[in-house]
Amino acid sequence: MTTKINELKYKTFKHLGVNELGKASDNIKEIHEVLGYDFGEEVILKEKSQISTEYEVHDTWAVTRDSYAIDKNDSFEFGICYTGDMNHAVNLRLHIKENAKAKVCLIFNMLDCDLLGKIDIKIEENAELEFAPLFIMGENVIMNIHMSLAGENSKFHMEGGYIFEGNNIADINVQANHSKNSESIINMHGILLENSKKTYKYTLDFPRGSTNAKGSESERVIALADNFKNIVVPVLLVGEDNIEASHGAEITQFDKEKLDYMYSRGINKETAEFMSVKTELSPVIDMNNARGKEIIKNRLFEIFPGGDNEI
């Protein structure tokens, strides 16, 4: 059986090479199979101490498989930072039950390691989720995020971000399936540095029965180098007449006049880049609590030494 990773639900032209991840190593394919092993019972979160810090070791990989739920009518928020000197394989399930509200912030601080991940989200009737995944560096970064807006009036709002430099693979696949009166907002904010390579695929699916659903998706990328590869694949699947949907993508480089002005005010290159990156990632940063902001601040300061380290 052929292992398919980050496969698009609705295929596009084969020659574009985006329908699935085609050049994953045998080691990554093997760990991808391990991620599907038994999860155990769903944990209903009441305290942050219930968030697991344990992982299994498979060769050079730290493997986590966690399933969390926010109970009916509850409100809960938490964050997880994945980092260290091992490759990370993450399988995370989030279940937001009826009338619940949740905020989840994930920081993938991969240094020079690999990340292979799968995140499955289910949002029930009248429930809401704010979601902020941030990917910082990494040699191979492969992530599939699938959310099911399963209940009427369910809502999902994602502010995601990434910084890549000199990586081999960065392939992120985001999918949102809608139901009646559901709403999704999916925004991605990207920073591409020297020799970076990135593919971002995002799909809004409005099947039959998703009347009055709304969905928007966008990506904005700032390139801080001339040598990079950027691929974006927006997909809208519409099986219902009465829906609202939009998508867009933008890539830009530093405004030379703005940079010259900053330099004339005594701001060095590292600080100018730091300020621009901080501004671009601010929707993601702002979703985090004080501890998350501190982690991001310190990591950005390592990437752009000499920059203004206030967030």
Protein backbone atom coordinates (compact mmCIF):
# COMPACT_ATOMS: atom_id res chain seq x y z
CA MET A 1 0.00 0.00 0.00
CA THR A 2 1.34 3.41 -1.01
CA THR A 3 1.61 5.93 1.81
CA LYS A 4 0.07 9.27 0.84
CA ILE A 5 0.87 12.31 2.95
CA ASN A 6 -0.87 15.71 2.83
CA GLU A 7 -3.17 14.59 0.06
CA LEU A 8 -5.56 17.11 -1.47
CA LYS A 9 -9.21 16.11 -1.16
CA TYR A 10 -9.89 17.34 -4.69
CA LYS A 11 -7.02 16.73 -7.09
CA THR A 12 -5.59 19.38 -9.38
CA PHE A 13 -3.21 19.01 -12.35
CA LYS A 14 -0.75 16.19 -11.64
CA HIS A 15 2.21 17.97 -13.22
CA LEU A 16 2.02 20.69 -10.55
CA GLY A 17 3.15 18.13 -7.96
CA VAL A 18 0.86 19.39 -5.17
CA ASN A 19 -1.80 16.66 -4.93
CA GLU A 20 0.24 14.92 -2.25
CA LEU A 21 3.71 15.05 -0.76
CA GLY A 22 5.75 13.18 -3.33
CA LYS A 23 9.31 13.17 -2.00
CA ALA A 24 9.03 12.13 1.64
CA SER A 25 11.83 9.89 2.87
CA ASP A 26 11.22 6.29 3.89
CA ASN A 27 11.83 7.32 7.49
CA ILE A 28 9.11 9.99 7.35
CA LYS A 29 6.70 7.51 5.73
CA GLU A 30 7.41 5.00 8.49
CA ILE A 31 6.76 7.55 11.24
CA HIS A 32 3.59 8.63 9.44
CA GLU A 33 2.27 5.11 9.95
CA VAL A 34 3.28 5.16 13.64
CA LEU A 35 1.20 8.32 14.15
CA GLY A 36 -1.95 6.35 13.42
CA TYR A 37 -1.52 3.97 16.36
CA ASP A 38 -4.11 3.86 19.17
CA PHE A 39 -4.76 7.15 20.99
CA GLY A 40 -6.46 5.83 24.08
CA GLU A 41 -9.32 7.71 25.72
CA GLU A 42 -10.27 11.31 25.01
CA VAL A 43 -9.24 13.62 27.87
CA ILE A 44 -11.82 16.25 28.87
CA LEU A 45 -9.76 19.26 29.88
CA LYS A 46 -10.53 21.02 33.13
CA GLU A 47 -6.99 21.93 34.23
CA LYS A 48 -3.86 22.76 32.23
CA SER A 49 -2.00 20.11 34.25
CA GLN A 50 -3.90 17.52 32.18
CA ILE A 51 -1.90 18.50 29.07
CA SER A 52 0.53 15.66 28.47
CA THR A 53 4.28 16.28 28.36
CA GLU A 54 5.10 12.64 27.59
CA TYR A 55 6.24 11.21 24.28
CA GLU A 56 7.37 7.91 22.81
CA VAL A 57 10.78 7.56 21.18
CA HIS A 58 10.97 5.93 17.76
CA ASP A 59 14.49 6.07 16.38
CA THR A 60 15.28 9.82 16.20
CA TRP A 61 11.64 10.87 16.66
CA ALA A 62 9.65 12.06 19.66
CA VAL A 63 6.10 10.86 18.96
CA THR A 64 3.02 12.29 20.67
CA ARG A 65 -0.60 11.18 20.20
CA ASP A 66 -3.05 13.20 22.28
CA SER A 67 -6.83 13.59 22.21
CA TYR A 68 -8.39 16.49 24.11
CA ALA A 69 -11.99 17.70 24.48
CA ILE A 70 -13.57 20.86 25.83
CA ASP A 71 -16.82 19.88 27.51
CA LYS A 72 -20.28 21.29 26.78
CA ASN A 73 -20.75 24.92 27.83
CA ASP A 74 -17.14 25.19 29.05
CA SER A 75 -14.45 27.74 28.15
CA PHE A 76 -10.81 26.71 28.08
CA GLU A 77 -7.53 27.86 26.53
CA PHE A 78 -4.09 26.33 26.43
CA GLY A 79 -0.82 26.37 24.52
CA ILE A 80 1.86 23.80 23.69
CA CYS A 81 5.43 24.45 22.54
CA TYR A 82 7.13 21.61 20.67
CA THR A 83 10.90 22.01 20.66
CA GLY A 84 14.17 20.25 21.43
CA ASP A 85 16.93 18.38 19.62
CA MET A 86 14.75 15.51 18.35
CA ASN A 87 12.49 15.23 15.33
CA HIS A 88 8.82 15.60 16.29
CA ALA A 89 5.83 13.55 15.11
CA VAL A 90 2.58 15.01 16.43
CA ASN A 91 -0.96 13.65 16.18
CA LEU A 92 -3.41 15.88 18.00
CA ARG A 93 -7.19 15.63 18.22
CA LEU A 94 -9.30 18.53 19.48
CA HIS A 95 -13.02 18.11 20.20
CA ILE A 96 -14.95 21.28 21.02
CA LYS A 97 -18.35 20.19 22.30
CA GLU A 98 -21.71 21.97 22.14
CA ASN A 99 -21.69 25.62 23.27
CA ALA A 100 -18.03 25.42 24.31
CA LYS A 101 -15.40 28.06 23.56
CA ALA A 102 -11.70 27.32 23.24
CA LYS A 103 -8.40 28.92 22.28
CA VAL A 104 -5.43 26.73 21.35
CA CYS A 105 -1.95 28.07 20.52
CA LEU A 106 0.76 25.74 19.18
CA ILE A 107 4.39 26.74 18.71
CA PHE A 108 6.54 24.38 16.64
CA ASN A 109 10.07 25.63 17.36
CA MET A 110 11.91 23.04 15.29
CA LEU A 111 15.46 24.44 15.11
CA ASP A 112 17.16 22.08 12.58
CA CYS A 113 14.84 19.13 13.25
CA ASP A 114 11.95 17.60 11.30
CA LEU A 115 8.25 17.97 12.03
CA LEU A 116 5.55 15.58 10.87
CA GLY A 117 2.08 16.37 12.13
CA LYS A 118 -1.61 15.72 11.88
CA ILE A 119 -4.23 17.79 13.70
CA ASP A 120 -7.90 16.80 13.60
CA ILE A 121 -10.47 19.25 14.96
CA LYS A 122 -14.19 18.70 15.53
CA ILE A 123 -16.41 21.64 16.48
CA GLU A 124 -19.99 20.91 17.52
CA GLU A 125 -23.16 23.02 17.54
CA ASN A 126 -22.74 26.63 18.73
CA ALA A 127 -19.12 25.93 19.68
CA GLU A 128 -16.15 28.15 18.82
CA LEU A 129 -12.41 27.65 18.46
CA GLU A 130 -9.61 30.20 18.08
CA PHE A 131 -6.49 28.47 16.79
CA ALA A 132 -2.93 29.80 16.37
CA PRO A 133 -0.27 27.41 15.00
CA LEU A 134 3.21 28.90 14.46
CA PHE A 135 5.97 27.03 12.61
CA ILE A 136 9.52 28.27 13.23
CA MET A 137 12.27 26.82 11.05
CA GLY A 138 12.85 23.08 10.68
CA GLU A 139 14.53 20.94 8.01
CA ASN A 140 11.37 19.13 6.90
CA VAL A 141 8.01 20.52 8.06
CA ILE A 142 4.95 18.50 7.07
CA MET A 143 1.60 19.30 8.66
CA ASN A 144 -2.01 18.37 7.92
CA ILE A 145 -4.73 20.34 9.74
CA HIS A 146 -8.30 19.14 9.23
CA MET A 147 -11.24 20.77 10.91
CA SER A 148 -14.85 19.62 10.84
CA LEU A 149 -17.38 22.33 11.57
CA ALA A 150 -19.76 19.52 12.45
CA GLY A 151 -22.51 21.41 14.25
CA GLU A 152 -24.86 24.17 13.20
CA ASN A 153 -23.55 27.66 14.06
CA SER A 154 -20.05 26.32 14.77
CA LYS A 155 -17.16 28.76 14.31
CA PHE A 156 -13.44 28.41 13.62
CA HIS A 157 -10.87 31.22 13.47
CA MET A 158 -7.24 30.46 12.64
CA GLU A 159 -4.33 32.88 12.60
CA GLY A 160 -1.35 30.78 11.55
CA GLY A 161 2.24 31.70 10.78
CA TYR A 162 5.63 30.37 9.72
CA ILE A 163 9.28 31.32 9.27
CA PHE A 164 11.34 29.09 6.98
CA GLU A 165 14.97 29.25 5.89
CA GLY A 166 17.15 26.82 3.95
CA ASN A 167 14.71 23.97 4.49
CA ASN A 168 14.23 20.84 2.40
CA ILE A 169 10.43 20.49 2.60
CA ALA A 170 7.69 22.70 4.06
CA ASP A 171 4.27 21.32 3.14
CA ILE A 172 1.20 22.54 5.07
CA ASN A 173 -2.28 21.31 4.19
CA VAL A 174 -5.34 22.93 5.83
CA GLN A 175 -8.93 21.76 5.22
CA ALA A 176 -12.24 23.05 6.62
CA ASN A 177 -15.50 21.14 6.13
CA HIS A 178 -18.65 23.18 6.78
CA SER A 179 -22.16 22.46 8.02
CA LYS A 180 -25.29 24.62 8.14
CA ASN A 181 -24.69 28.20 9.36
CA SER A 182 -21.05 27.44 10.21
CA GLU A 183 -18.27 29.97 9.76
CA SER A 184 -14.52 29.67 9.22
CA ILE A 185 -11.78 32.29 8.98
CA ILE A 186 -8.36 30.93 7.98
CA ASN A 187 -5.43 33.36 7.74
CA MET A 188 -1.80 32.38 7.25
CA HIS A 189 1.12 34.80 7.65
CA GLY A 190 4.47 33.66 6.24
CA ILE A 191 8.11 34.73 6.32
CA LEU A 192 10.47 33.22 3.73
CA LEU A 193 14.21 33.60 4.25
CA GLU A 194 17.16 32.49 2.10
CA ASN A 195 16.79 29.18 0.21
CA SER A 196 13.38 28.45 1.73
CA LYS A 197 10.83 26.19 0.05
CA LYS A 198 7.16 26.17 0.99
CA THR A 199 3.90 24.68 -0.25
CA TYR A 200 0.68 25.80 1.42
CA LYS A 201 -2.59 24.11 0.47
CA TYR A 202 -5.89 25.25 1.93
CA THR A 203 -9.38 24.00 1.17
CA LEU A 204 -12.85 25.27 2.07
CA ASP A 205 -15.46 22.55 1.56
CA PHE A 206 -19.18 23.38 1.44
CA PRO A 207 -21.01 20.07 0.92
CA ARG A 208 -24.72 19.74 0.29
CA GLY A 209 -26.60 20.78 3.41
CA SER A 210 -24.15 23.54 4.45
CA THR A 211 -26.72 26.28 3.79
CA ASN A 212 -25.78 29.80 4.96
CA ALA A 213 -22.23 28.74 5.77
CA LYS A 214 -19.41 31.27 5.46
CA GLY A 215 -15.73 30.74 4.85
CA SER A 216 -12.70 32.86 4.05
CA GLU A 217 -9.09 31.88 3.56
CA SER A 218 -6.00 33.95 2.83
CA GLU A 219 -2.22 33.83 2.89
CA ARG A 220 0.18 36.75 3.04
CA VAL A 221 3.91 36.11 2.58
CA ILE A 222 6.88 38.42 3.06
CA ALA A 223 10.08 37.29 1.31
CA LEU A 224 13.29 38.52 2.94
CA ALA A 225 15.44 36.97 0.21
CA ASP A 226 15.61 36.59 -3.57
CA ASN A 227 16.27 32.85 -3.56
CA PHE A 228 13.12 31.02 -2.43
CA LYS A 229 10.31 28.81 -3.73
CA ASN A 230 6.72 29.61 -2.81
CA ILE A 231 3.68 27.55 -3.86
CA VAL A 232 0.13 28.23 -2.72
CA VAL A 233 -2.88 26.10 -3.64
CA PRO A 234 -6.28 27.61 -2.66
CA VAL A 235 -9.27 25.30 -3.19
CA LEU A 236 -13.00 26.02 -2.89
CA LEU A 237 -15.40 23.04 -3.06
CA VAL A 238 -19.00 24.21 -3.34
CA GLY A 239 -21.95 21.81 -3.26
CA GLU A 240 -24.52 24.24 -1.88
CA ASP A 241 -25.99 27.37 -3.47
CA ASN A 242 -26.52 29.66 -0.49
CA ILE A 243 -23.02 30.09 0.94
CA GLU A 244 -20.38 32.85 1.18
CA ALA A 245 -16.77 32.05 0.36
CA SER A 246 -13.60 33.94 -0.49
CA HIS A 247 -9.90 33.23 -0.82
CA GLY A 248 -6.74 35.14 -1.66
CA ALA A 249 -2.95 35.04 -1.59
CA GLU A 250 -0.30 37.74 -1.61
CA ILE A 251 3.49 37.74 -1.64
CA THR A 252 5.60 40.83 -1.20
CA GLN A 253 9.18 41.83 -0.49
CA PHE A 254 10.53 44.63 1.64
CA ASP A 255 9.69 48.11 0.43
CA LYS A 256 13.10 49.56 -0.52
CA GLU A 257 12.03 53.14 0.16
CA LYS A 258 10.74 52.15 3.59
CA LEU A 259 14.00 50.34 4.34
CA ASP A 260 16.08 53.34 3.23
CA TYR A 261 14.02 55.53 5.52
CA MET A 262 14.52 53.16 8.45
CA TYR A 263 18.27 53.03 7.78
CA SER A 264 18.38 56.85 7.67
CA ARG A 265 16.86 56.87 11.15
CA GLY A 266 19.71 54.73 12.45
CA ILE A 267 17.87 51.41 12.37
CA ASN A 268 20.15 48.54 11.31
CA LYS A 269 19.21 45.72 8.90
CA GLU A 270 18.54 43.15 11.64
CA THR A 271 16.25 45.49 13.55
CA ALA A 272 14.39 46.47 10.37
CA GLU A 273 13.80 42.82 9.52
CA PHE A 274 12.80 42.04 13.11
CA MET A 275 10.24 44.86 13.12
CA SER A 276 8.74 43.75 9.81
CA VAL A 277 8.53 40.10 10.89
CA LYS A 278 7.01 41.06 14.24
CA THR A 279 4.36 43.15 12.48
CA GLU A 280 3.53 40.43 9.96
CA LEU A 281 3.18 37.75 12.65
CA SER A 282 1.33 39.97 15.12
CA PRO A 283 -2.10 38.31 14.53
CA VAL A 284 -0.55 34.99 15.59
CA ILE A 285 1.51 36.44 18.43
CA ASP A 286 -1.46 38.35 19.84
CA MET A 287 -3.47 35.14 20.30
CA ASN A 288 -0.82 33.77 22.67
CA ASN A 289 -0.64 34.31 26.41
CA ALA A 290 2.33 36.00 28.08
CA ARG A 291 4.40 32.81 28.18
CA GLY A 292 3.80 32.07 24.51
CA LYS A 293 4.71 35.63 23.53
CA GLU A 294 7.94 35.33 25.52
CA ILE A 295 8.92 32.11 23.71
CA ILE A 296 8.24 33.67 20.32
CA LYS A 297 10.08 36.87 21.23
CA ASN A 298 13.21 34.99 22.30
CA ARG A 299 13.20 32.81 19.19
CA LEU A 300 12.79 35.77 16.83
CA PHE A 301 15.63 37.53 18.61
CA GLU A 302 17.84 34.49 17.92
CA ILE A 303 16.93 34.55 14.22
CA PHE A 304 17.39 38.33 13.92
CA PRO A 305 20.16 39.16 16.43
CA GLY A 306 20.49 42.84 17.15
CA GLY A 307 16.80 43.44 16.54
CA ASP A 308 14.40 45.18 18.86
CA ASN A 309 13.29 42.36 21.17
CA GLU A 310 10.15 43.96 22.52
CA ILE A 311 6.83 42.38 21.51
